[in-house]
Amino acid sequence: MFDSGVGGLTVVAALRELLPAEDIFYIGDTARVPYGGKSRSTIERYSQELSAELLAEGAKMIVVACNTASALAVPTLIEELDVPVIGVIVPGAKAAVKATRNKKVAVIGTRATIHSRAYERAIRELSPRIKVTGKACPLFVPLIEEGWAEHNVALAVIDRYLKPIIESGVDTMVLGCTHYPLLAETIRSYVGPGIKLVNSARNTALEVQKLLARKNLAAPLTQRGRLRVALTDQSDHFLQVAKRALNLRIGKVEVRKIKPLAL
């Protein structure tokens, strides 16, 4: 599994709960975070490089725990790799369609995710009548990475980004970045109970479970899975975020240099 930083740990936590027998190797690309302002070709290259690292570790499946990479790189990875690849867009879209009652859904995410319109396409393929409003929130990831999810600065930024969305009458909001659940409580307190927040992490874990079973790749239930974590650069807040927000037990964190793609 890989993500641009610590946000993908929300998916790790859901997988550990649902699939405790599976070994998970997570790479957080903290040296190059955030991905949201980068080009498609750059995100594809980063995703290919990280996938190569995971395959070298014997990965039987690649989980792209990053909405930006899921929107822009998963199709390429599916075409190129010999193992199953799953992203977070489709599971999140399914959850949004199930949650909305008035057929008005907002998707918040990085600039790259919103501009790709990947969620909009996925939601409308499932339910064409749903109106989807996208909003890029590029400052959310840096706030989370700095450990400021509960700071007054975060609330001011949330107000600036989300006020127009609330006024549009949506009843469902997709947290279209795996970092954003770490900001969920602050967002929830701002938007109020009338808007349901959709976190794709749990739904992604369910899709992984189904795919493992369908491909006969599931680990024996008697096995106790291990969690290994690597970062591409030191992250001062990484273990604090994991311990406080996600109740994850993480041992020694490896710092790994990613090999560039061969030209």
C-alpha atoms as a PDB file:
ATOM      1  CA  MET A   1       0.000   0.000   0.000  1.00  0.00           C
ATOM      2  CA  PHE A   2       1.233   3.515  -0.701  1.00  0.00           C
ATOM      3  CA  ASP A   3       0.187   7.107  -0.192  1.00  0.00           C
ATOM      4  CA  SER A   4       1.738  10.517  -0.595  1.00  0.00           C
ATOM      5  CA  GLY A   5       2.187  10.813   3.169  1.00  0.00           C
ATOM      6  CA  VAL A   6       0.473   9.755   6.400  1.00  0.00           C
ATOM      7  CA  GLY A   7      -3.123   9.986   5.166  1.00  0.00           C
ATOM      8  CA  GLY A   8      -3.180   6.432   3.839  1.00  0.00           C
ATOM      9  CA  LEU A   9      -2.891   5.194   7.412  1.00  0.00           C
ATOM     10  CA  THR A  10      -6.661   5.694   7.594  1.00  0.00           C
ATOM     11  CA  VAL A  11      -6.948   2.882   5.048  1.00  0.00           C
ATOM     12  CA  VAL A  12      -4.349   0.819   6.921  1.00  0.00           C
ATOM     13  CA  ALA A  13      -6.416   1.099  10.103  1.00  0.00           C
ATOM     14  CA  ALA A  14      -9.560  -0.076   8.299  1.00  0.00           C
ATOM     15  CA  LEU A  15      -7.697  -2.993   6.708  1.00  0.00           C
ATOM     16  CA  ARG A  16      -6.165  -4.052  10.032  1.00  0.00           C
ATOM     17  CA  GLU A  17      -9.617  -4.135  11.585  1.00  0.00           C
ATOM     18  CA  LEU A  18     -11.297  -6.015   8.743  1.00  0.00           C
ATOM     19  CA  LEU A  19      -8.412  -8.242   7.598  1.00  0.00           C
ATOM     20  CA  PRO A  20      -6.204  -8.945  10.633  1.00  0.00           C
ATOM     21  CA  ALA A  21      -4.559 -11.954   8.944  1.00  0.00           C
ATOM     22  CA  GLU A  22      -3.067  -9.939   6.084  1.00  0.00           C
ATOM     23  CA  ASP A  23       0.505  -8.633   6.067  1.00  0.00           C
ATOM     24  CA  ILE A  24       0.610  -4.947   5.141  1.00  0.00           C
ATOM     25  CA  PHE A  25       3.621  -3.039   3.899  1.00  0.00           C
ATOM     26  CA  TYR A  26       2.916   0.694   3.753  1.00  0.00           C
ATOM     27  CA  ILE A  27       5.050   3.326   2.065  1.00  0.00           C
ATOM     28  CA  GLY A  28       4.321   6.970   2.788  1.00  0.00           C
ATOM     29  CA  ASP A  29       5.999   9.229   0.237  1.00  0.00           C
ATOM     30  CA  THR A  30       6.691  11.982   2.760  1.00  0.00           C
ATOM     31  CA  ALA A  31       9.656  13.295   0.764  1.00  0.00           C
ATOM     32  CA  ARG A  32       7.373  14.310  -2.107  1.00  0.00           C
ATOM     33  CA  VAL A  33       4.085  15.127  -0.359  1.00  0.00           C
ATOM     34  CA  PRO A  34       1.701  16.684  -1.343  1.00  0.00           C
ATOM     35  CA  TYR A  35       0.764  15.144  -4.697  1.00  0.00           C
ATOM     36  CA  GLY A  36      -2.258  17.360  -5.271  1.00  0.00           C
ATOM     37  CA  GLY A  37      -0.545  20.150  -7.191  1.00  0.00           C
ATOM     38  CA  LYS A  38       1.578  17.933  -9.423  1.00  0.00           C
ATOM     39  CA  SER A  39       0.980  16.891 -13.028  1.00  0.00           C
ATOM     40  CA  ARG A  40      -0.548  13.602 -14.144  1.00  0.00           C
ATOM     41  CA  SER A  41       2.768  12.407 -15.603  1.00  0.00           C
ATOM     42  CA  THR A  42       4.597  13.112 -12.339  1.00  0.00           C
ATOM     43  CA  ILE A  43       1.961  11.343 -10.236  1.00  0.00           C
ATOM     44  CA  GLU A  44       2.023   8.367 -12.602  1.00  0.00           C
ATOM     45  CA  ARG A  45       5.827   8.184 -12.295  1.00  0.00           C
ATOM     46  CA  TYR A  46       5.758   8.403  -8.519  1.00  0.00           C
ATOM     47  CA  SER A  47       3.080   5.689  -8.407  1.00  0.00           C
ATOM     48  CA  GLN A  48       5.080   3.411 -10.692  1.00  0.00           C
ATOM     49  CA  GLU A  49       8.193   3.875  -8.561  1.00  0.00           C
ATOM     50  CA  LEU A  50       6.362   3.141  -5.305  1.00  0.00           C
ATOM     51  CA  SER A  51       4.615   0.122  -6.827  1.00  0.00           C
ATOM     52  CA  ALA A  52       7.989  -1.249  -7.923  1.00  0.00           C
ATOM     53  CA  GLU A  53       9.198  -1.006  -4.316  1.00  0.00           C
ATOM     54  CA  LEU A  54       6.136  -2.882  -3.084  1.00  0.00           C
ATOM     55  CA  LEU A  55       6.462  -5.585  -5.726  1.00  0.00           C
ATOM     56  CA  ALA A  56      10.104  -6.064  -4.750  1.00  0.00           C
ATOM     57  CA  GLU A  57       8.792  -6.854  -1.266  1.00  0.00           C
ATOM     58  CA  GLY A  58       6.547  -9.590  -2.690  1.00  0.00           C
ATOM     59  CA  ALA A  59       3.250  -7.717  -2.776  1.00  0.00           C
ATOM     60  CA  LYS A  60       0.302  -9.821  -3.977  1.00  0.00           C
ATOM     61  CA  MET A  61      -1.895  -6.715  -4.364  1.00  0.00           C
ATOM     62  CA  ILE A  62      -1.287  -2.975  -4.584  1.00  0.00           C
ATOM     63  CA  VAL A  63      -3.661  -0.692  -2.686  1.00  0.00           C
ATOM     64  CA  VAL A  64      -3.329   2.933  -3.785  1.00  0.00           C
ATOM     65  CA  ALA A  65      -4.328   4.700  -0.563  1.00  0.00           C
ATOM     66  CA  CYS A  66      -4.195   8.129  -2.175  1.00  0.00           C
ATOM     67  CA  ASN A  67      -7.097   9.800  -3.951  1.00  0.00           C
ATOM     68  CA  THR A  68      -4.881  11.823  -6.285  1.00  0.00           C
ATOM     69  CA  ALA A  69      -2.906   8.766  -7.389  1.00  0.00           C
ATOM     70  CA  SER A  70      -6.132   6.732  -7.593  1.00  0.00           C
ATOM     71  CA  ALA A  71      -7.656   9.335  -9.899  1.00  0.00           C
ATOM     72  CA  LEU A  72      -4.627   9.794 -12.149  1.00  0.00           C
ATOM     73  CA  ALA A  73      -2.409   6.702 -11.960  1.00  0.00           C
ATOM     74  CA  VAL A  74      -4.510   3.615 -11.148  1.00  0.00           C
ATOM     75  CA  PRO A  75      -5.573   2.986 -14.789  1.00  0.00           C
ATOM     76  CA  THR A  76      -1.899   2.916 -15.822  1.00  0.00           C
ATOM     77  CA  LEU A  77      -0.939   0.641 -12.922  1.00  0.00           C
ATOM     78  CA  ILE A  78      -3.768  -1.791 -13.699  1.00  0.00           C
ATOM     79  CA  GLU A  79      -2.554  -1.994 -17.298  1.00  0.00           C
ATOM     80  CA  GLU A  80       1.131  -2.414 -16.434  1.00  0.00           C
ATOM     81  CA  LEU A  81       1.217  -4.589 -13.316  1.00  0.00           C
ATOM     82  CA  ASP A  82       0.681  -8.332 -12.981  1.00  0.00           C
ATOM     83  CA  VAL A  83      -0.959  -8.084  -9.552  1.00  0.00           C
ATOM     84  CA  PRO A  84      -4.409  -6.676  -8.713  1.00  0.00           C
ATOM     85  CA  VAL A  85      -4.511  -2.916  -8.116  1.00  0.00           C
ATOM     86  CA  ILE A  86      -7.253  -1.125  -6.214  1.00  0.00           C
ATOM     87  CA  GLY A  87      -7.709   2.579  -5.526  1.00  0.00           C
ATOM     88  CA  VAL A  88     -10.033   4.542  -3.270  1.00  0.00           C
ATOM     89  CA  ILE A  89     -12.215   6.392  -5.801  1.00  0.00           C
ATOM     90  CA  VAL A  90     -14.786   3.714  -6.654  1.00  0.00           C
ATOM     91  CA  PRO A  91     -15.314   2.570  -3.034  1.00  0.00           C
ATOM     92  CA  GLY A  92     -15.824   6.198  -2.006  1.00  0.00           C
ATOM     93  CA  ALA A  93     -18.264   6.797  -4.865  1.00  0.00           C
ATOM     94  CA  LYS A  94     -20.312   3.743  -3.887  1.00  0.00           C
ATOM     95  CA  ALA A  95     -20.509   4.966  -0.294  1.00  0.00           C
ATOM     96  CA  ALA A  96     -21.633   8.442  -1.405  1.00  0.00           C
ATOM     97  CA  VAL A  97     -24.407   7.073  -3.616  1.00  0.00           C
ATOM     98  CA  LYS A  98     -25.644   4.957  -0.729  1.00  0.00           C
ATOM     99  CA  ALA A  99     -25.496   7.847   1.758  1.00  0.00           C
ATOM    100  CA  THR A 100     -27.192  10.704  -0.113  1.00  0.00           C
ATOM    101  CA  ARG A 101     -30.922  11.285   0.227  1.00  0.00           C
ATOM    102  CA  ASN A 102     -31.418  14.483  -1.742  1.00  0.00           C
ATOM    103  CA  LYS A 103     -29.083  13.508  -4.620  1.00  0.00           C
ATOM    104  CA  LYS A 104     -26.679  16.362  -3.891  1.00  0.00           C
ATOM    105  CA  VAL A 105     -23.105  15.280  -3.136  1.00  0.00           C
ATOM    106  CA  ALA A 106     -19.987  17.341  -2.528  1.00  0.00           C
ATOM    107  CA  VAL A 107     -16.490  15.992  -3.071  1.00  0.00           C
ATOM    108  CA  ILE A 108     -13.551  17.727  -1.415  1.00  0.00           C
ATOM    109  CA  GLY A 109      -9.993  16.845  -2.338  1.00  0.00           C
ATOM    110  CA  THR A 110      -6.699  18.030  -3.769  1.00  0.00           C
ATOM    111  CA  ARG A 111      -6.621  20.145  -6.904  1.00  0.00           C
ATOM    112  CA  ALA A 112      -5.499  17.174  -8.997  1.00  0.00           C
ATOM    113  CA  THR A 113      -8.287  14.921  -7.712  1.00  0.00           C
ATOM    114  CA  ILE A 114     -11.011  17.529  -8.207  1.00  0.00           C
ATOM    115  CA  HIS A 115      -9.764  18.617 -11.639  1.00  0.00           C
ATOM    116  CA  SER A 116      -9.672  14.972 -12.777  1.00  0.00           C
ATOM    117  CA  ARG A 117     -13.439  14.711 -12.079  1.00  0.00           C
ATOM    118  CA  ALA A 118     -12.836  11.055 -11.239  1.00  0.00           C
ATOM    119  CA  TYR A 119     -15.335  11.026  -8.378  1.00  0.00           C
ATOM    120  CA  GLU A 120     -17.937  12.800 -10.466  1.00  0.00           C
ATOM    121  CA  ARG A 121     -17.645  10.188 -13.219  1.00  0.00           C
ATOM    122  CA  ALA A 122     -17.676   7.284 -10.766  1.00  0.00           C
ATOM    123  CA  ILE A 123     -20.735   8.601  -8.907  1.00  0.00           C
ATOM    124  CA  ARG A 124     -22.692   9.353 -12.065  1.00  0.00           C
ATOM    125  CA  GLU A 125     -21.943   5.937 -13.501  1.00  0.00           C
ATOM    126  CA  LEU A 126     -23.658   4.507 -10.436  1.00  0.00           C
ATOM    127  CA  SER A 127     -26.486   7.080 -10.266  1.00  0.00           C
ATOM    128  CA  PRO A 128     -26.760   9.598 -13.139  1.00  0.00           C
ATOM    129  CA  ARG A 129     -29.305  11.780 -11.312  1.00  0.00           C
ATOM    130  CA  ILE A 130     -26.918  12.777  -8.540  1.00  0.00           C
ATOM    131  CA  LYS A 131     -25.551  16.325  -8.710  1.00  0.00           C
ATOM    132  CA  VAL A 132     -21.856  16.375  -7.774  1.00  0.00           C
ATOM    133  CA  THR A 133     -20.075  19.515  -6.599  1.00  0.00           C
ATOM    134  CA  GLY A 134     -16.293  19.389  -6.371  1.00  0.00           C
ATOM    135  CA  LYS A 135     -14.157  21.662  -4.214  1.00  0.00           C
ATOM    136  CA  ALA A 136     -10.360  21.670  -4.079  1.00  0.00           C
ATOM    137  CA  CYS A 137      -9.000  22.177  -0.552  1.00  0.00           C
ATOM    138  CA  PRO A 138      -5.214  22.269  -1.089  1.00  0.00           C
ATOM    139  CA  LEU A 139      -4.304  23.544   2.391  1.00  0.00           C
ATOM    140  CA  PHE A 140      -5.893  20.598   4.236  1.00  0.00           C
ATOM    141  CA  VAL A 141      -2.999  18.182   3.640  1.00  0.00           C
ATOM    142  CA  PRO A 142      -0.275  20.545   4.921  1.00  0.00           C
ATOM    143  CA  LEU A 143      -2.397  21.283   8.011  1.00  0.00           C
ATOM    144  CA  ILE A 144      -2.729  17.571   8.747  1.00  0.00           C
ATOM    145  CA  GLU A 145       0.918  16.820   8.057  1.00  0.00           C
ATOM    146  CA  GLU A 146       1.854  19.619  10.491  1.00  0.00           C
ATOM    147  CA  GLY A 147      -0.419  18.123  13.157  1.00  0.00           C
ATOM    148  CA  TRP A 148      -2.749  21.158  13.126  1.00  0.00           C
ATOM    149  CA  ALA A 149      -6.019  19.291  12.522  1.00  0.00           C
ATOM    150  CA  GLU A 150      -7.555  20.686  15.719  1.00  0.00           C
ATOM    151  CA  HIS A 151      -5.929  24.128  15.576  1.00  0.00           C
ATOM    152  CA  ASN A 152      -7.943  27.334  15.130  1.00  0.00           C
ATOM    153  CA  VAL A 153      -6.113  27.822  11.840  1.00  0.00           C
ATOM    154  CA  ALA A 154      -7.734  24.615  10.539  1.00  0.00           C
ATOM    155  CA  LEU A 155     -11.208  25.905  11.415  1.00  0.00           C
ATOM    156  CA  ALA A 156     -10.560  29.165   9.572  1.00  0.00           C
ATOM    157  CA  VAL A 157      -9.386  27.295   6.470  1.00  0.00           C
ATOM    158  CA  ILE A 158     -12.380  24.936   6.654  1.00  0.00           C
ATOM    159  CA  ASP A 159     -14.742  27.927   6.792  1.00  0.00           C
ATOM    160  CA  ARG A 160     -13.103  29.486   3.740  1.00  0.00           C
ATOM    161  CA  TYR A 161     -13.356  26.298   1.670  1.00  0.00           C
ATOM    162  CA  LEU A 162     -16.627  24.734   2.814  1.00  0.00           C
ATOM    163  CA  LYS A 163     -19.047  27.593   3.448  1.00  0.00           C
ATOM    164  CA  PRO A 164     -20.174  27.780  -0.220  1.00  0.00           C
ATOM    165  CA  ILE A 165     -20.669  23.994  -0.276  1.00  0.00           C
ATOM    166  CA  ILE A 166     -22.910  24.049   2.786  1.00  0.00           C
ATOM    167  CA  GLU A 167     -24.952  26.851   1.254  1.00  0.00           C
ATOM    168  CA  SER A 168     -25.473  24.756  -1.908  1.00  0.00           C
ATOM    169  CA  GLY A 169     -27.667  22.292   0.013  1.00  0.00           C
ATOM    170  CA  VAL A 170     -25.645  19.076  -0.232  1.00  0.00           C
ATOM    171  CA  ASP A 171     -26.472  16.340   2.279  1.00  0.00           C
ATOM    172  CA  THR A 172     -23.337  14.223   1.697  1.00  0.00           C
ATOM    173  CA  MET A 173     -19.668  15.176   1.554  1.00  0.00           C
ATOM    174  CA  VAL A 174     -16.971  12.804   0.314  1.00  0.00           C
ATOM    175  CA  LEU A 175     -13.634  13.220   2.040  1.00  0.00           C
ATOM    176  CA  GLY A 176     -11.823  12.776  -1.256  1.00  0.00           C
ATOM    177  CA  CYS A 177      -8.330  12.522   0.187  1.00  0.00           C
ATOM    178  CA  THR A 178      -7.143   9.843   2.593  1.00  0.00           C
ATOM    179  CA  HIS A 179      -5.602  12.569   4.758  1.00  0.00           C
ATOM    180  CA  TYR A 180      -8.965  14.225   5.329  1.00  0.00           C
ATOM    181  CA  PRO A 181     -10.439  11.721   7.831  1.00  0.00           C
ATOM    182  CA  LEU A 182      -7.743  12.973  10.202  1.00  0.00           C
ATOM    183  CA  LEU A 183      -9.526  16.335   9.960  1.00  0.00           C
ATOM    184  CA  ALA A 184     -12.999  14.780  10.098  1.00  0.00           C
ATOM    185  CA  GLU A 185     -13.971  15.790  13.628  1.00  0.00           C
ATOM    186  CA  THR A 186     -13.170  19.439  12.952  1.00  0.00           C
ATOM    187  CA  ILE A 187     -15.034  19.297   9.626  1.00  0.00           C
ATOM    188  CA  ARG A 188     -18.005  17.550  11.263  1.00  0.00           C
ATOM    189  CA  SER A 189     -18.255  20.174  13.983  1.00  0.00           C
ATOM    190  CA  TYR A 190     -18.323  22.862  11.286  1.00  0.00           C
ATOM    191  CA  VAL A 191     -20.792  21.343   8.795  1.00  0.00           C
ATOM    192  CA  GLY A 192     -23.186  20.001  11.450  1.00  0.00           C
ATOM    193  CA  PRO A 193     -25.326  16.839  11.558  1.00  0.00           C
ATOM    194  CA  GLY A 194     -27.238  17.629   8.374  1.00  0.00           C
ATOM    195  CA  ILE A 195     -24.307  16.623   6.145  1.00  0.00           C
ATOM    196  CA  LYS A 196     -23.020  13.057   6.196  1.00  0.00           C
ATOM    197  CA  LEU A 197     -19.271  12.662   5.786  1.00  0.00           C
ATOM    198  CA  VAL A 198     -18.122   9.773   3.617  1.00  0.00           C
ATOM    199  CA  ASN A 199     -14.738   8.261   4.401  1.00  0.00           C
ATOM    200  CA  SER A 200     -13.673   5.827   1.694  1.00  0.00           C
ATOM    201  CA  ALA A 201     -11.230   3.944   3.947  1.00  0.00           C
ATOM    202  CA  ARG A 202     -13.737   1.403   5.285  1.00  0.00           C
ATOM    203  CA  ASN A 203     -15.270   0.878   1.860  1.00  0.00           C
ATOM    204  CA  THR A 204     -11.839   0.417   0.305  1.00  0.00           C
ATOM    205  CA  ALA A 205     -11.079  -2.260   2.897  1.00  0.00           C
ATOM    206  CA  LEU A 206     -14.310  -4.058   1.991  1.00  0.00           C
ATOM    207  CA  GLU A 207     -13.388  -3.941  -1.709  1.00  0.00           C
ATOM    208  CA  VAL A 208      -9.930  -5.341  -0.895  1.00  0.00           C
ATOM    209  CA  GLN A 209     -11.555  -8.171   1.062  1.00  0.00           C
ATOM    210  CA  LYS A 210     -13.824  -9.041  -1.882  1.00  0.00           C
ATOM    211  CA  LEU A 211     -10.979  -8.900  -4.403  1.00  0.00           C
ATOM    212  CA  LEU A 212      -8.682 -11.085  -2.296  1.00  0.00           C
ATOM    213  CA  ALA A 213     -11.432 -13.690  -2.002  1.00  0.00           C
ATOM    214  CA  ARG A 214     -12.253 -13.547  -5.718  1.00  0.00           C
ATOM    215  CA  LYS A 215      -8.588 -13.974  -6.679  1.00  0.00           C
ATOM    216  CA  ASN A 216      -7.999 -16.692  -4.039  1.00  0.00           C
ATOM    217  CA  LEU A 217      -5.296 -14.518  -2.482  1.00  0.00           C
ATOM    218  CA  ALA A 218      -6.636 -14.185   1.056  1.00  0.00           C
ATOM    219  CA  ALA A 219      -4.289 -15.140   3.890  1.00  0.00           C
ATOM    220  CA  PRO A 220      -5.277 -18.047   6.170  1.00  0.00           C
ATOM    221  CA  LEU A 221      -7.535 -16.802   8.954  1.00  0.00           C
ATOM    222  CA  THR A 222      -5.272 -18.478  11.506  1.00  0.00           C
ATOM    223  CA  GLN A 223      -2.405 -16.193  10.494  1.00  0.00           C
ATOM    224  CA  ARG A 224      -1.644 -12.998  12.383  1.00  0.00           C
ATOM    225  CA  GLY A 225      -0.721 -10.298   9.928  1.00  0.00           C
ATOM    226  CA  ARG A 226       2.185  -7.892  10.339  1.00  0.00           C
ATOM    227  CA  LEU A 227       2.294  -4.178   9.646  1.00  0.00           C
ATOM    228  CA  ARG A 228       5.506  -2.691   8.262  1.00  0.00           C
ATOM    229  CA  VAL A 229       5.837   1.002   7.575  1.00  0.00           C
ATOM    230  CA  ALA A 230       8.366   2.892   5.483  1.00  0.00           C
ATOM    231  CA  LEU A 231       8.617   6.608   4.749  1.00  0.00           C
ATOM    232  CA  THR A 232      10.646   8.353   2.096  1.00  0.00           C
ATOM    233  CA  ASP A 233      11.624  11.053   4.582  1.00  0.00           C
ATOM    234  CA  GLN A 234      11.388  11.565   8.331  1.00  0.00           C
ATOM    235  CA  SER A 235       8.008  12.825   9.575  1.00  0.00           C
ATOM    236  CA  ASP A 236       7.978  14.350  13.052  1.00  0.00           C
ATOM    237  CA  HIS A 237       4.221  14.026  13.435  1.00  0.00           C
ATOM    238  CA  PHE A 238       3.820  10.624  11.793  1.00  0.00           C
ATOM    239  CA  LEU A 239       3.783   8.385  14.871  1.00  0.00           C
ATOM    240  CA  GLN A 240       1.784  10.917  16.879  1.00  0.00           C
ATOM    241  CA  VAL A 241      -0.956  10.998  14.246  1.00  0.00           C
ATOM    242  CA  ALA A 242      -1.060   7.202  14.000  1.00  0.00           C
ATOM    243  CA  LYS A 243      -1.166   6.615  17.734  1.00  0.00           C
ATOM    244  CA  ARG A 244      -3.648   9.349  18.666  1.00  0.00           C
ATOM    245  CA  ALA A 245      -6.106   9.305  15.760  1.00  0.00           C
ATOM    246  CA  LEU A 246      -6.007   5.759  14.440  1.00  0.00           C
ATOM    247  CA  ASN A 247      -4.934   3.555  17.357  1.00  0.00           C
ATOM    248  CA  LEU A 248      -2.332   1.864  15.182  1.00  0.00           C
ATOM    249  CA  ARG A 249       0.606   0.041  16.690  1.00  0.00           C
ATOM    250  CA  ILE A 250       3.625   0.855  14.556  1.00  0.00           C
ATOM    251  CA  GLY A 251       7.068  -0.461  15.348  1.00  0.00           C
ATOM    252  CA  LYS A 252      10.275   0.796  13.853  1.00  0.00           C
ATOM    253  CA  VAL A 253       9.654   3.034  10.853  1.00  0.00           C
ATOM    254  CA  GLU A 254      12.065   2.556   7.974  1.00  0.00           C
ATOM    255  CA  VAL A 255      13.263   5.519   5.935  1.00  0.00           C
ATOM    256  CA  ARG A 256      13.613   4.342   2.356  1.00  0.00           C
ATOM    257  CA  LYS A 257      15.018   6.000  -0.726  1.00  0.00           C
ATOM    258  CA  ILE A 258      12.848   5.280  -3.762  1.00  0.00           C
ATOM    259  CA  LYS A 259      14.645   4.185  -6.902  1.00  0.00           C
ATOM    260  CA  PRO A 260      13.814   6.303  -9.953  1.00  0.00           C
ATOM    261  CA  LEU A 261      12.271   4.643 -12.988  1.00  0.00           C
ATOM    262  CA  ALA A 262      14.755   3.362 -15.524  1.00  0.00           C
ATOM    263  CA  LEU A 263      14.588   5.449 -18.699  1.00  0.00           C
END
